[in-house]
Structure formats: C-alpha cells, structure tokens
Amino acid sequence: GKLLTSLDPGFSQLLGEIEFAPVALVSLGYAREVVGHSLDGFGFLVPRTAGLRILGTVWNSSLFPARAPDGRVLLTSFVGGATDPGVAGLAPDAITKIVHDELSRVLRIGSPPCFSCVTLYPRALPQYNLGHAARLQSIETLRSAFPGLCLAGNYQRGPAIGACAELSLEIAAAISAAPARRVV
C-alpha cells in the first residue's frame, strides 16, 4: 500500500476501487469417533442452492499428516463471501456455532468441537464487478511506468490458490529471464 502510493498515488486509487467480500476461516477440531463420515478425501464445496452458509470445508487431517493429534480430526470451513457478507459482523462464537451446526448435519458429528479458531479476513475475495477488466488494464499501464516492478494478487486472475501460484511462477520466470539491471 504505502510503497505503491509513494511511487504513484494512482496505485492507491485504482487498487482501492477493487471490492472484496469478507470470509471467515473456521477451524474446528473433533474427536475422530464423534464424526460419522469417513473423511476420505479433501473436503467439499457447497453450491449456493444447498442453503448452507458454509462455502466449503477442507479436511486438513485427512490431507496432511500431523495436522491433528492422534484420535482427532481438524476441519477448516469457509463462510461469508459476497452472498453472506454479514458473517463479518458476527462474534467468533456465533460463527463457530453456525459452522458446527452445519458440519454436524453434513458429516454426522455427534459432539461439540474440542478446539475452535476463527480468523476473519474482511477483504478476502475480490469481486470481479463491471469495470474490473478496465481497472486491471489501468493498473498495468501505471505499473509499466516502473520497470522492474511486479504486482501479484488474487484480484488479478482469481482467488484460488492455484491461480495465484501460477501467476507468481510466471512473474518469477519473467524476472529470472530479464536482463540484469544495474542499481546505482
């Protein structure tokens, strides 16, 4: 923010125009025996038509070894987004309750979580509203006035980790291929 603004205030204006939706990450831990689902897999995504507030859930302890103590499971759910921005105004306990209640129905969980952690990201998901492509072009035009400056973010190609990683790898390759610049 401040570095780009010091280069040109236009960066702050253009980037500030990008709308973002809030998302809360809710990590809940359970004793394995209280979860009726096998948890074989990565998790699930929820279509809006399902009527749940959860956007999706990752089964961390199924994907990564040692993410939960023996006999426990760790599940991380995402709530909020453009269709449910009000989640950002809820207390962590209220968000935990929403997620636990919905997970209990979907995964047949018979007890409250033994662990919970809620992290709110007020500006998590960029919204590709009308004019976003033109805004990106204006940002790129401004950026091109500063040779060697590269920008990467979820507002460019999408918020998915894969899209962000792909963009970052492309930028790293371009930097590696660029002729060395002499700094005076």
Protein backbone atom coordinates (compact mmCIF):
# COMPACT_ATOMS: atom_id res chain seq x y z
CA GLY A 1 0.00 0.00 0.00
CA LYS A 2 2.33 2.75 1.22
CA LEU A 3 5.20 1.73 -1.08
CA LEU A 4 2.98 1.80 -4.17
CA THR A 5 1.38 5.08 -3.09
CA SER A 6 4.84 6.61 -2.69
CA LEU A 7 5.60 5.62 -6.28
CA ASP A 8 2.31 6.98 -7.60
CA PRO A 9 -0.95 7.81 -5.76
CA GLY A 10 -2.80 6.28 -8.71
CA PHE A 11 -1.96 2.82 -7.38
CA SER A 12 -3.83 3.52 -4.16
CA GLN A 13 -6.83 4.89 -6.02
CA LEU A 14 -7.08 2.02 -8.52
CA LEU A 15 -6.42 -0.77 -6.03
CA GLY A 16 -8.77 0.85 -3.54
CA GLU A 17 -11.62 0.64 -6.07
CA ILE A 18 -11.49 -3.17 -6.09
CA GLU A 19 -14.33 -4.53 -4.00
CA PHE A 20 -13.70 -7.50 -1.73
CA ALA A 21 -16.06 -9.79 0.16
CA PRO A 22 -15.23 -10.95 3.70
CA VAL A 23 -14.52 -14.57 4.57
CA ALA A 24 -14.11 -16.24 7.93
CA LEU A 25 -11.91 -19.33 8.23
CA VAL A 26 -13.24 -21.58 10.94
CA SER A 27 -11.01 -24.43 12.10
CA LEU A 28 -12.74 -26.97 14.30
CA GLY A 29 -11.22 -30.00 15.98
CA TYR A 30 -13.20 -33.09 16.92
CA ALA A 31 -12.54 -36.47 18.44
CA ARG A 32 -12.43 -38.87 15.47
CA GLU A 33 -15.04 -41.19 16.97
CA VAL A 34 -17.76 -38.48 17.04
CA VAL A 35 -17.54 -37.90 13.26
CA GLY A 36 -19.78 -40.32 11.35
CA HIS A 37 -18.30 -39.56 7.92
CA SER A 38 -15.14 -41.38 6.80
CA LEU A 39 -13.40 -38.10 5.84
CA ASP A 40 -11.68 -39.89 2.96
CA GLY A 41 -10.85 -37.14 0.54
CA PHE A 42 -10.04 -33.45 0.59
CA GLY A 43 -13.34 -31.96 1.77
CA PHE A 44 -16.26 -30.44 -0.06
CA LEU A 45 -17.58 -27.33 -1.76
CA VAL A 46 -21.16 -26.19 -1.23
CA PRO A 47 -23.35 -24.90 -4.05
CA ARG A 48 -25.39 -21.85 -3.06
CA THR A 49 -28.55 -23.83 -3.84
CA ALA A 50 -27.80 -26.14 -0.87
CA GLY A 51 -28.96 -23.48 1.58
CA LEU A 52 -25.85 -23.68 3.79
CA ARG A 53 -23.73 -20.75 4.91
CA ILE A 54 -20.54 -22.82 4.62
CA LEU A 55 -18.83 -22.19 1.28
CA GLY A 56 -16.65 -25.26 1.65
CA THR A 57 -14.67 -27.34 4.11
CA VAL A 58 -11.16 -28.81 3.91
CA TRP A 59 -10.43 -31.97 5.86
CA ASN A 60 -6.94 -30.88 6.97
CA SER A 61 -6.18 -34.00 9.00
CA SER A 62 -7.08 -36.23 6.03
CA LEU A 63 -4.83 -34.28 3.67
CA PHE A 64 -1.78 -33.56 5.77
CA PRO A 65 -0.13 -35.80 8.36
CA ALA A 66 0.14 -34.49 11.91
CA ARG A 67 -2.38 -31.67 11.44
CA ALA A 68 -4.30 -33.03 14.42
CA PRO A 69 -3.31 -35.17 17.40
CA ASP A 70 -3.91 -38.92 17.21
CA GLY A 71 -7.59 -39.71 17.51
CA ARG A 72 -8.63 -36.19 16.46
CA VAL A 73 -9.61 -34.54 13.20
CA LEU A 74 -9.20 -30.95 12.05
CA LEU A 75 -11.70 -29.40 9.64
CA THR A 76 -11.40 -25.88 8.21
CA SER A 77 -14.51 -24.26 6.79
CA PHE A 78 -15.01 -21.03 4.90
CA VAL A 79 -18.08 -18.83 5.46
CA GLY A 80 -19.06 -15.41 4.18
CA GLY A 81 -18.32 -14.24 0.69
CA ALA A 82 -20.42 -11.96 -1.47
CA THR A 83 -23.61 -13.90 -0.76
CA ASP A 84 -23.18 -13.74 3.03
CA PRO A 85 -21.12 -10.64 3.92
CA GLY A 86 -22.94 -10.28 7.25
CA VAL A 87 -20.74 -13.02 8.70
CA ALA A 88 -18.04 -10.36 9.16
CA GLY A 89 -20.17 -8.67 11.82
CA LEU A 90 -20.73 -11.80 13.92
CA ALA A 91 -18.84 -12.76 17.05
CA PRO A 92 -16.41 -15.69 16.71
CA ASP A 93 -18.62 -17.89 18.93
CA ALA A 94 -21.63 -17.25 16.68
CA ILE A 95 -19.61 -18.11 13.57
CA THR A 96 -18.33 -21.29 15.25
CA LYS A 97 -21.88 -22.31 16.12
CA ILE A 98 -23.09 -21.81 12.53
CA VAL A 99 -20.25 -23.91 11.13
CA HIS A 100 -20.52 -26.64 13.77
CA ASP A 101 -24.29 -26.93 13.29
CA GLU A 102 -23.94 -27.27 9.52
CA LEU A 103 -20.98 -29.65 9.69
CA SER A 104 -22.86 -31.78 12.20
CA ARG A 105 -25.64 -32.34 9.68
CA VAL A 106 -23.36 -32.92 6.69
CA LEU A 107 -20.71 -35.10 8.38
CA ARG A 108 -22.85 -36.67 11.12
CA ILE A 109 -20.91 -35.14 14.02
CA GLY A 110 -22.27 -36.07 17.43
CA SER A 111 -20.45 -33.71 19.83
CA PRO A 112 -19.28 -30.11 20.02
CA PRO A 113 -15.76 -29.32 18.84
CA CYS A 114 -12.90 -29.74 21.31
CA PHE A 115 -10.99 -26.98 19.51
CA SER A 116 -12.03 -23.90 17.54
CA CYS A 117 -10.30 -20.98 15.89
CA VAL A 118 -11.98 -18.26 13.83
CA THR A 119 -9.96 -15.93 11.61
CA LEU A 120 -11.78 -13.16 9.78
CA TYR A 121 -10.47 -11.74 6.51
CA PRO A 122 -12.55 -8.61 5.78
CA ARG A 123 -11.05 -8.22 2.27
CA ALA A 124 -10.68 -11.84 1.18
CA LEU A 125 -12.45 -12.44 -2.12
CA PRO A 126 -12.05 -9.89 -4.90
CA GLN A 127 -15.27 -9.14 -6.73
CA TYR A 128 -14.96 -9.03 -10.50
CA ASN A 129 -17.66 -6.40 -10.91
CA LEU A 130 -18.40 -4.39 -14.03
CA GLY A 131 -15.30 -2.39 -14.93
CA HIS A 132 -12.81 -4.76 -13.29
CA ALA A 133 -11.02 -5.62 -16.56
CA ALA A 134 -10.59 -1.92 -17.39
CA ARG A 135 -9.31 -1.29 -13.85
CA LEU A 136 -6.74 -4.11 -14.25
CA GLN A 137 -5.60 -2.57 -17.54
CA SER A 138 -5.20 0.84 -15.85
CA ILE A 139 -3.17 -0.76 -13.06
CA GLU A 140 -0.96 -2.49 -15.63
CA THR A 141 -0.48 0.75 -17.57
CA LEU A 142 0.56 2.52 -14.38
CA ARG A 143 2.82 -0.37 -13.34
CA SER A 144 4.59 -0.36 -16.71
CA ALA A 145 5.93 3.11 -15.90
CA PHE A 146 8.09 1.48 -13.20
CA PRO A 147 10.46 -1.04 -14.86
CA GLY A 148 11.18 -3.98 -12.59
CA LEU A 149 8.02 -3.51 -10.51
CA CYS A 150 5.80 -6.59 -10.47
CA LEU A 151 2.38 -6.98 -8.88
CA ALA A 152 0.68 -10.22 -7.95
CA GLY A 153 -2.55 -10.77 -6.10
CA ASN A 154 -5.84 -12.56 -6.02
CA TYR A 155 -7.54 -9.59 -7.70
CA GLN A 156 -5.77 -10.36 -10.99
CA ARG A 157 -6.75 -13.89 -12.06
CA GLY A 158 -8.89 -15.17 -9.24
CA PRO A 159 -8.65 -16.01 -5.55
CA ALA A 160 -7.92 -19.73 -5.98
CA ILE A 161 -4.53 -20.78 -4.65
CA GLY A 162 -3.68 -22.41 -7.98
CA ALA A 163 -4.37 -19.22 -9.93
CA CYS A 164 -2.27 -17.15 -7.51
CA ALA A 165 0.60 -19.65 -7.58
CA GLU A 166 0.52 -19.83 -11.38
CA LEU A 167 0.68 -16.03 -11.67
CA SER A 168 3.54 -15.88 -9.15
CA LEU A 169 5.51 -18.53 -11.05
CA GLU A 170 5.03 -16.60 -14.31
CA ILE A 171 6.27 -13.41 -12.66
CA ALA A 172 9.26 -15.22 -11.15
CA ALA A 173 10.14 -16.68 -14.57
CA ALA A 174 9.88 -13.23 -16.18
CA ILE A 175 12.14 -11.74 -13.50
CA SER A 176 14.67 -14.55 -13.97
CA ALA A 177 14.66 -14.08 -17.75
CA ALA A 178 15.02 -10.29 -17.59
CA PRO A 179 18.45 -8.84 -18.20
CA ALA A 180 20.24 -7.79 -15.04
CA ARG A 181 19.74 -4.15 -14.13
CA ARG A 182 22.48 -2.13 -12.63
CA VAL A 183 21.47 -0.29 -9.46
CA VAL A 184 23.26 2.99 -8.93
